[in-house]
Protein backbone atom coordinates (compact mmCIF):
# COMPACT_ATOMS: atom_id res chain seq x y z
CA MET A 1 0.35 -0.09 -0.27
CA ILE A 2 3.03 2.69 0.48
CA ARG A 3 4.89 2.08 -2.16
CA ARG A 4 1.25 2.96 -3.88
CA VAL A 5 0.50 5.68 -2.33
CA LEU A 6 3.57 7.33 -3.28
CA THR A 7 4.20 6.80 -6.77
CA PHE A 8 0.76 8.32 -7.04
CA ALA A 9 2.70 10.96 -4.99
CA ALA A 10 4.27 11.72 -7.95
CA LEU A 11 1.99 12.12 -10.30
CA LEU A 12 -0.26 14.75 -8.33
CA MET A 13 2.13 16.88 -9.90
CA ALA A 14 0.22 17.06 -13.32
CA PHE A 15 -3.08 16.58 -12.23
CA SER A 16 -4.45 19.75 -14.15
CA ALA A 17 -3.83 18.24 -17.01
CA THR A 18 -6.02 15.21 -17.66
CA HIS A 19 -8.58 16.86 -20.38
CA ALA A 20 -9.11 15.95 -23.97
CA GLY A 21 -9.49 18.90 -26.01
CA VAL A 22 -6.50 20.90 -24.23
CA LEU A 23 -3.11 20.23 -24.33
CA PRO A 24 -1.37 20.53 -21.26
CA ASP A 25 0.28 23.60 -20.01
CA ASP A 26 3.94 24.07 -20.30
CA ARG A 27 5.42 23.87 -16.82
CA ALA A 28 8.30 22.02 -14.68
CA ASP A 29 7.76 20.83 -10.90
CA VAL A 30 10.16 20.00 -8.24
CA LEU A 31 9.01 17.45 -6.52
CA TYR A 32 10.34 16.61 -2.06
CA HIS A 33 8.02 13.99 -0.35
CA LEU A 34 8.37 12.01 3.26
CA TYR A 35 6.09 8.94 4.23
CA ASP A 36 6.11 8.20 8.20
CA GLY A 37 4.40 6.12 9.69
CA GLY A 38 4.42 2.33 11.18
CA GLY A 39 8.12 2.26 11.09
CA VAL A 40 8.76 3.07 7.49
CA GLN A 41 10.22 6.16 6.50
CA ILE A 42 10.20 6.83 2.99
CA ASP A 43 10.95 10.11 1.45
CA GLY A 44 12.75 11.04 -1.86
CA PRO A 45 12.11 14.01 -4.89
CA SER A 46 10.17 14.18 -8.28
CA VAL A 47 11.05 16.37 -11.09
CA LEU A 48 8.76 16.36 -14.13
CA VAL A 49 8.72 18.65 -16.98
CA ARG A 50 5.88 19.35 -19.69
CA LYS A 51 6.64 21.19 -22.85
CA LYS A 52 4.63 21.73 -25.80
CA ALA A 53 5.46 20.88 -30.05
CA GLY A 54 3.66 22.72 -32.26
CA LYS A 55 0.10 23.04 -31.54
CA SER A 56 -1.30 19.07 -31.38
CA LEU A 57 1.64 17.81 -29.84
CA SER A 58 2.79 17.85 -25.99
CA PHE A 59 5.98 15.56 -24.21
CA VAL A 60 6.23 15.07 -20.76
CA GLY A 61 9.54 13.06 -18.31
CA ASN A 62 9.12 12.64 -15.02
CA TYR A 63 12.18 11.22 -12.29
CA TYR A 64 11.11 10.30 -9.44
CA VAL A 65 13.28 8.75 -6.33
CA ASP A 66 11.86 6.50 -2.85
CA MET A 67 14.51 6.35 -0.64
CA ILE A 68 13.38 3.47 2.39
CA SER A 69 14.43 2.61 5.54
CA SER A 70 12.06 -0.05 6.96
CA ALA A 71 11.66 -1.57 11.03
CA SER A 72 7.33 -2.07 10.24
CA ILE A 73 5.98 -4.12 12.08
CA ASP A 74 6.28 -7.53 8.84
CA VAL A 75 9.69 -7.05 9.58
CA VAL A 76 9.95 -6.48 12.92
CA THR A 77 8.83 -10.10 13.90
CA THR A 78 10.16 -12.35 10.89
CA ALA A 79 12.82 -10.50 9.30
CA SER A 80 15.69 -7.49 9.35
CA PRO A 81 15.40 -3.97 9.78
CA TYR A 82 16.75 -2.64 5.85
CA THR A 83 16.91 0.48 3.67
CA GLU A 84 16.95 0.26 -0.16
CA GLU A 85 16.22 3.77 -2.99
CA ARG A 86 13.90 3.19 -6.18
CA LYS A 87 14.47 4.60 -8.74
CA GLN A 88 11.01 4.98 -11.59
CA TRP A 89 11.40 7.19 -14.95
CA SER A 90 8.62 8.29 -17.42
CA LEU A 91 8.11 9.55 -20.23
CA GLY A 92 4.86 10.57 -22.23
CA MET A 93 3.23 12.44 -25.02
CA ASP A 94 -0.06 13.77 -25.41
CA TYR A 95 -1.12 14.43 -29.04
CA LEU A 96 -4.66 16.81 -30.00
CA ARG A 97 -6.77 16.18 -32.88
CA GLY A 98 -9.72 18.27 -32.99
CA ASN A 99 -11.74 17.40 -29.32
CA THR A 100 -9.87 14.51 -29.23
CA THR A 101 -6.30 13.59 -27.39
CA MET A 102 -4.48 11.04 -27.05
CA ARG A 103 -1.67 9.95 -24.73
CA VAL A 104 1.34 7.27 -24.43
CA ASN A 105 3.23 6.36 -21.47
CA TYR A 106 6.16 4.90 -20.76
CA THR A 107 7.26 3.81 -16.68
CA THR A 108 10.50 2.11 -15.60
CA SER A 109 11.21 1.59 -12.16
CA GLU A 110 14.47 -0.23 -10.35
CA GLU A 111 15.15 -0.81 -7.04
CA SER A 112 17.21 -4.39 -5.78
CA ASP A 113 14.73 -7.18 -5.56
CA PHE A 114 12.04 -5.34 -7.69
CA ASP A 115 11.88 -4.46 -11.28
CA ALA A 116 8.51 -2.49 -13.12
CA GLU A 117 8.27 -1.90 -17.01
CA THR A 118 4.70 0.04 -17.38
CA VAL A 119 2.95 1.14 -20.81
CA SER A 120 -0.06 2.83 -21.01
CA PHE A 121 -2.56 4.89 -23.27
CA SER A 122 -5.97 6.41 -24.02
CA VAL A 123 -8.53 8.36 -25.89
CA SER A 124 -10.30 10.98 -24.55
CA GLN A 125 -13.33 12.47 -26.84
CA ASP A 126 -14.70 15.91 -25.93
CA MET A 127 -18.57 15.97 -27.75
CA PHE A 128 -22.26 17.58 -26.77
CA GLY A 129 -20.19 21.01 -26.71
CA ASP A 130 -17.42 19.75 -25.31
CA LEU A 131 -20.09 19.09 -22.23
CA THR A 132 -19.18 15.26 -21.83
CA THR A 133 -15.37 14.07 -22.36
CA VAL A 134 -14.91 10.11 -22.46
CA THR A 135 -12.02 8.52 -21.37
CA LEU A 136 -10.53 4.47 -23.07
CA SER A 137 -7.61 3.67 -21.21
CA TYR A 138 -5.58 0.73 -21.55
CA ALA A 139 -1.81 0.07 -19.55
CA LEU A 140 0.48 -3.36 -19.82
CA GLY A 141 2.87 -3.69 -16.78
CA ASP A 142 5.63 -6.00 -16.97
CA ASP A 143 6.91 -6.61 -13.50
CA LEU A 144 10.30 -8.88 -11.88
CA VAL A 145 10.00 -9.85 -8.86
CA ARG A 146 13.46 -10.47 -7.23
CA ARG A 147 15.27 -11.63 -3.44
CA SER A 148 18.18 -9.56 -2.38
CA ASP A 149 19.70 -12.58 -0.58
CA ASP A 150 18.89 -15.05 -3.31
CA PRO A 151 20.35 -14.24 -6.66
CA THR A 152 19.01 -17.07 -8.46
CA PHE A 153 14.96 -16.01 -7.50
CA GLU A 154 13.53 -14.76 -10.67
CA ARG A 155 9.51 -14.67 -10.71
CA PRO A 156 7.31 -13.21 -12.86
CA LEU A 157 4.71 -10.56 -12.61
CA ASP A 158 2.19 -9.23 -15.11
CA ARG A 159 -1.10 -6.41 -14.74
CA GLN A 160 -3.22 -5.06 -17.41
CA ILE A 161 -5.66 -2.59 -16.44
CA TYR A 162 -8.38 -1.12 -18.19
CA GLY A 163 -10.42 1.73 -17.76
CA VAL A 164 -13.20 3.49 -19.00
CA GLY A 165 -14.79 7.11 -18.08
CA PHE A 166 -17.38 9.71 -18.10
CA THR A 167 -17.12 13.36 -17.18
CA GLN A 168 -19.90 15.71 -17.58
CA ILE A 169 -21.32 19.26 -16.94
CA LEU A 170 -24.42 18.11 -15.73
CA THR A 171 -25.21 22.46 -14.27
CA LYS A 172 -22.71 25.20 -14.68
CA LYS A 173 -22.22 24.51 -10.46
CA LEU A 174 -22.03 20.36 -10.92
CA ILE A 175 -19.36 18.91 -12.70
CA SER A 176 -19.29 14.48 -12.29
CA SER A 177 -16.84 11.90 -13.37
CA LEU A 178 -17.52 8.14 -13.11
CA ASN A 179 -14.98 5.97 -13.73
CA ILE A 180 -14.42 1.81 -14.09
CA GLU A 181 -10.94 -0.39 -14.01
CA THR A 182 -10.74 -3.63 -14.46
CA ILE A 183 -7.35 -4.61 -13.58
CA THR A 184 -5.79 -8.43 -13.66
CA GLU A 185 -2.30 -9.96 -12.69
CA GLU A 186 -0.77 -12.92 -13.10
CA GLY A 187 2.19 -14.16 -11.76
CA TYR A 188 4.21 -14.02 -8.31
CA LEU A 189 2.14 -11.73 -5.78
CA ASN A 190 2.70 -12.73 -2.49
CA ASN A 191 6.05 -10.52 -0.84
CA PRO A 192 9.12 -12.86 -0.65
CA TYR A 193 9.96 -12.03 2.53
CA ARG A 194 6.93 -12.05 4.13
CA SER A 195 5.97 -15.06 6.62
CA VAL A 196 2.70 -16.45 7.99
CA ARG A 197 2.31 -17.95 11.15
CA TYR A 198 0.52 -20.88 12.72
CA PHE A 199 -0.01 -22.61 16.12
CA ASP A 200 2.80 -25.17 17.28
CA ALA A 201 2.67 -26.20 20.68
CA GLY A 202 5.68 -27.14 20.79
CA SER A 203 7.30 -23.59 20.21
CA ALA A 204 8.05 -21.17 23.31
CA SER A 205 5.33 -18.75 21.67
CA GLY A 206 3.20 -20.69 21.06
CA TYR A 207 3.69 -20.15 16.96
CA SER A 208 5.94 -20.96 14.35
CA PHE A 209 5.91 -19.08 10.73
CA GLU A 210 6.23 -20.12 7.05
CA PRO A 211 6.72 -18.41 3.80
CA GLU A 212 3.62 -16.92 2.44
CA LEU A 213 1.85 -18.78 -0.86
CA TYR A 214 -0.91 -16.47 -2.95
CA PRO A 215 -2.94 -17.51 -6.19
CA ASN A 216 -1.03 -16.78 -9.16
CA THR A 217 -3.83 -14.96 -10.73
CA ARG A 218 -5.92 -11.45 -9.31
CA THR A 219 -8.98 -9.97 -10.94
CA SER A 220 -10.43 -6.03 -9.49
CA ASN A 221 -12.83 -4.14 -10.32
CA ALA A 222 -13.57 -0.45 -9.43
CA VAL A 223 -16.04 1.75 -9.44
CA GLY A 224 -15.84 5.06 -8.67
CA LEU A 225 -18.02 8.29 -9.08
CA ARG A 226 -16.78 12.06 -7.83
CA LEU A 227 -19.49 15.00 -8.38
CA ARG A 228 -17.78 18.93 -7.75
CA TYR A 229 -19.95 21.20 -6.66
CA PHE A 230 -19.24 25.15 -7.13
CA LEU A 231 -20.37 27.77 -4.40
CA PRO A 232 -20.99 31.25 -5.18
CA TYR A 233 -18.05 32.94 -3.05
CA ARG A 234 -15.12 30.90 -5.71
CA ALA A 235 -15.17 27.81 -3.33
CA ALA A 236 -15.97 24.15 -4.09
CA LEU A 237 -17.43 21.21 -2.33
CA GLU A 238 -15.89 17.78 -4.14
CA GLY A 239 -17.21 14.19 -3.00
CA GLU A 240 -16.33 10.90 -3.96
CA TYR A 241 -17.40 7.48 -3.60
CA ARG A 242 -15.55 4.36 -5.02
CA PHE A 243 -16.17 0.11 -4.70
CA PHE A 244 -13.55 -2.03 -5.09
CA THR A 245 -13.82 -6.18 -5.74
CA ASP A 246 -11.82 -8.65 -6.22
CA THR A 247 -11.41 -12.34 -7.29
CA TRP A 248 -9.52 -12.73 -3.65
CA ASP A 249 -13.18 -11.79 -2.35
CA ILE A 250 -12.07 -8.46 -0.66
CA GLU A 251 -14.73 -6.19 -1.14
CA GLY A 252 -13.75 -2.18 -0.18
CA HIS A 253 -15.79 1.53 0.35
CA THR A 254 -14.01 4.39 0.17
CA GLY A 255 -15.79 7.85 0.76
CA SER A 256 -14.37 11.22 0.95
CA LEU A 257 -15.48 14.92 1.44
CA SER A 258 -13.25 17.63 -0.02
CA TYR A 259 -13.65 21.62 0.23
CA ILE A 260 -11.37 24.06 -1.68
CA HIS A 261 -11.43 27.79 -0.58
CA PRO A 262 -9.33 29.82 -2.89
CA TRP A 263 -8.05 33.14 -0.89
CA LYS A 264 -6.51 36.34 -2.79
CA ASP A 265 -3.25 34.02 -4.31
CA PHE A 266 -4.02 31.55 -2.26
CA THR A 267 -6.02 28.13 -2.09
CA PHE A 268 -6.73 25.97 0.64
CA THR A 269 -8.12 22.54 0.41
CA GLY A 270 -9.19 20.21 3.95
CA LYS A 271 -10.48 16.45 2.93
CA PHE A 272 -11.52 13.77 4.62
CA ARG A 273 -11.33 10.11 3.60
CA TYR A 274 -12.89 6.81 4.72
CA HIS A 275 -12.03 3.79 3.49
CA ASP A 276 -13.79 -0.48 4.49
CA GLN A 277 -12.74 -3.75 3.60
CA THR A 278 -12.76 -7.04 3.76
CA GLY A 279 -10.40 -9.83 3.99
CA ALA A 280 -8.70 -12.14 1.08
CA HIS A 281 -10.06 -15.66 1.68
CA PHE A 282 -6.72 -17.08 2.79
CA TYR A 283 -6.08 -14.71 5.01
CA ARG A 284 -5.34 -16.08 8.76
CA ASP A 285 -3.84 -13.99 11.74
CA LEU A 286 -2.80 -17.10 12.97
CA PHE A 287 -3.28 -20.77 10.59
CA PRO A 288 -4.19 -24.12 12.79
CA GLY A 289 -1.36 -25.82 12.20
CA PRO A 290 1.25 -26.46 8.65
CA GLN A 291 0.68 -26.27 5.41
CA ALA A 292 -3.41 -25.78 6.86
CA THR A 293 -4.71 -24.36 3.43
CA ASN A 294 -3.73 -24.11 -0.16
CA PHE A 295 -3.06 -20.96 0.31
CA ARG A 296 -1.79 -18.82 2.88
CA GLY A 297 -1.28 -15.07 3.51
CA ARG A 298 -0.57 -12.53 6.63
CA ASP A 299 -0.26 -9.27 4.53
CA LYS A 300 -1.83 -6.56 7.69
CA GLU A 301 -3.50 -5.08 3.91
CA LEU A 302 -5.13 -8.69 2.90
CA SER A 303 -6.55 -8.17 6.40
CA ALA A 304 -10.13 -6.41 7.30
CA LEU A 305 -9.06 -2.76 7.89
CA THR A 306 -10.88 0.59 8.54
CA SER A 307 -8.37 3.41 7.79
CA TYR A 308 -9.01 7.73 8.13
CA THR A 309 -7.18 10.28 6.66
CA PHE A 310 -7.51 13.82 7.17
CA LYS A 311 -5.84 16.10 3.98
CA LEU A 312 -4.66 19.61 4.47
CA GLN A 313 -3.17 21.28 1.72
CA ALA A 314 -2.27 24.84 1.35
CA ALA A 315 -1.25 26.51 -2.58
CA TYR A 316 0.34 29.82 -2.93
CA GLU A 317 0.85 32.02 -6.25
CA PHE A 318 3.39 34.11 -6.07
CA LEU A 319 3.86 34.45 -9.49
CA ASN A 320 1.53 35.53 -11.81
CA ASP A 321 0.76 36.38 -15.67
CA ASP A 322 -1.23 39.40 -15.04
CA GLY A 323 1.94 41.64 -17.28
CA ASN A 324 4.48 42.41 -14.06
CA ASP A 325 5.88 39.90 -12.14
CA THR A 326 7.19 38.03 -14.89
CA TRP A 327 10.83 35.92 -14.36
CA GLY A 328 11.81 35.72 -17.64
CA PHE A 329 10.24 33.28 -19.87
CA ILE A 330 8.81 31.65 -16.22
CA LYS A 331 5.19 32.92 -17.00
CA ARG A 332 3.62 31.73 -13.49
CA ALA A 333 5.21 29.93 -10.91
CA LYS A 334 3.18 28.61 -7.32
CA VAL A 335 4.42 26.26 -4.15
CA THR A 336 1.62 23.74 -3.16
CA ALA A 337 2.25 21.81 0.97
CA SER A 338 -0.14 18.89 2.26
CA LEU A 339 0.13 17.27 4.89
CA ASN A 340 -2.05 13.47 5.28
CA ILE A 341 -2.12 12.00 8.58
CA LEU A 342 -3.28 8.75 7.91
CA SER A 343 -4.60 5.99 11.00
CA VAL A 344 -5.62 2.43 9.75
CA ASP A 345 -7.34 -0.22 12.19
CA TYR A 346 -6.80 -3.93 11.19
CA HIS A 347 -9.53 -6.07 12.26
CA GLU A 348 -7.28 -9.01 11.99
CA PHE A 349 -3.50 -8.60 12.37
CA SER A 350 -2.56 -8.84 15.50
CA ASP A 351 0.37 -6.96 16.73
CA LEU A 352 3.18 -9.51 18.11
CA THR A 353 5.42 -7.20 19.48
CA ALA A 354 3.22 -6.90 22.25
CA GLN A 355 4.86 -9.99 22.65
CA GLU A 356 1.40 -11.40 24.91
CA VAL A 357 -0.09 -14.85 25.28
CA ILE A 358 -0.90 -15.96 22.09
CA GLY A 359 -4.46 -15.21 21.10
CA SER A 360 -4.38 -12.27 23.89
CA GLU A 361 -1.82 -9.84 21.23
CA PRO A 362 -3.61 -6.34 21.09
CA LEU A 363 -4.61 -5.99 16.98
CA TYR A 364 -2.06 -3.33 15.35
CA GLN A 365 -2.76 0.40 15.01
CA LEU A 366 -0.93 2.36 12.29
CA ASP A 367 -0.98 6.08 12.20
CA ALA A 368 1.42 7.80 9.71
CA ASN A 369 1.72 10.87 8.50
CA ILE A 370 2.72 12.01 4.77
CA PHE A 371 3.88 15.34 3.63
CA GLN A 372 4.67 16.90 0.23
CA ILE A 373 6.11 20.09 -1.05
CA TYR A 374 6.15 20.65 -4.98
CA PHE A 375 6.98 23.49 -6.87
CA SER A 376 5.65 24.41 -10.30
CA PHE A 377 7.02 26.45 -12.83
CA PHE A 378 4.61 27.53 -15.93
CA TYR A 379 6.42 28.77 -19.13
């Protein structure tokens, strides 16, 4: 979960350039992110540059780094703390023809025990007087899972992502969007370092460990609805709901409510997000014995859980293109800082660091802070 959160964080710098019929603005973004919680600290920079080439083409490049140090609950109980670095590069192109925008993107990332490559493509079409936008997307991922302590261990993981989206201007003040996504995965889907625990009367703790074993396929489906309502004093309210289900019997519900308020050269955002999910059918906090089931997992992110996130964000435009304040070819500039306060309650994952008697261990709770700051320069 952490890896996905921070990967998507780098993409947030480009959030304003996703509409059909209009090429993204020329801009350069520099971001720093920090995740700190649950014994894990992840931080690093990201740099993104966009540039138009004529009236129909736009190119984008991104470089993103994660520097990870971990002594999380999973690591403390079954392995040793570690540090590693992940580097990610991406290149993309937008092509505009009339009311149609085509996008293609290539992303690759490397770390000591995991390589990933993803190619994605999308087509967006404005119609009905630009009141409706329809987007079709497809992505193909080709990953390789390894072990840092075993150079002979290599397992492939293939992923395909299909998406369709509808954006509709309902009134002068209300915009809606509906997004549907299907992900199919095949290959090595579990963590090569993680173990499950099982009841063992001969052990002093009452349990022992053995490696996880996941199914080698997974298909998930998600449907998301977003509504944004513009208030009379330039502010806006935004509500979102997302439903998720997969072939591992995980069912998730996510809802959020945001308030965006501009004031002079500032824009303030507050957001509350709620997520609740069931656990995978092969997840157990404690198995009755070794190899008790065909598939076995004890990843806390596959357990039943509830999470709460509160976000505070402020953006300040310190340079604008009103004709006076410019820095040479730079016409606009702004800085954005945000803090996400995350709390996760795991309903079936015990905190073994408490060293309580088996069966009486407290349930684990994760608290984390995610900080981001980035500068955007428009030229």
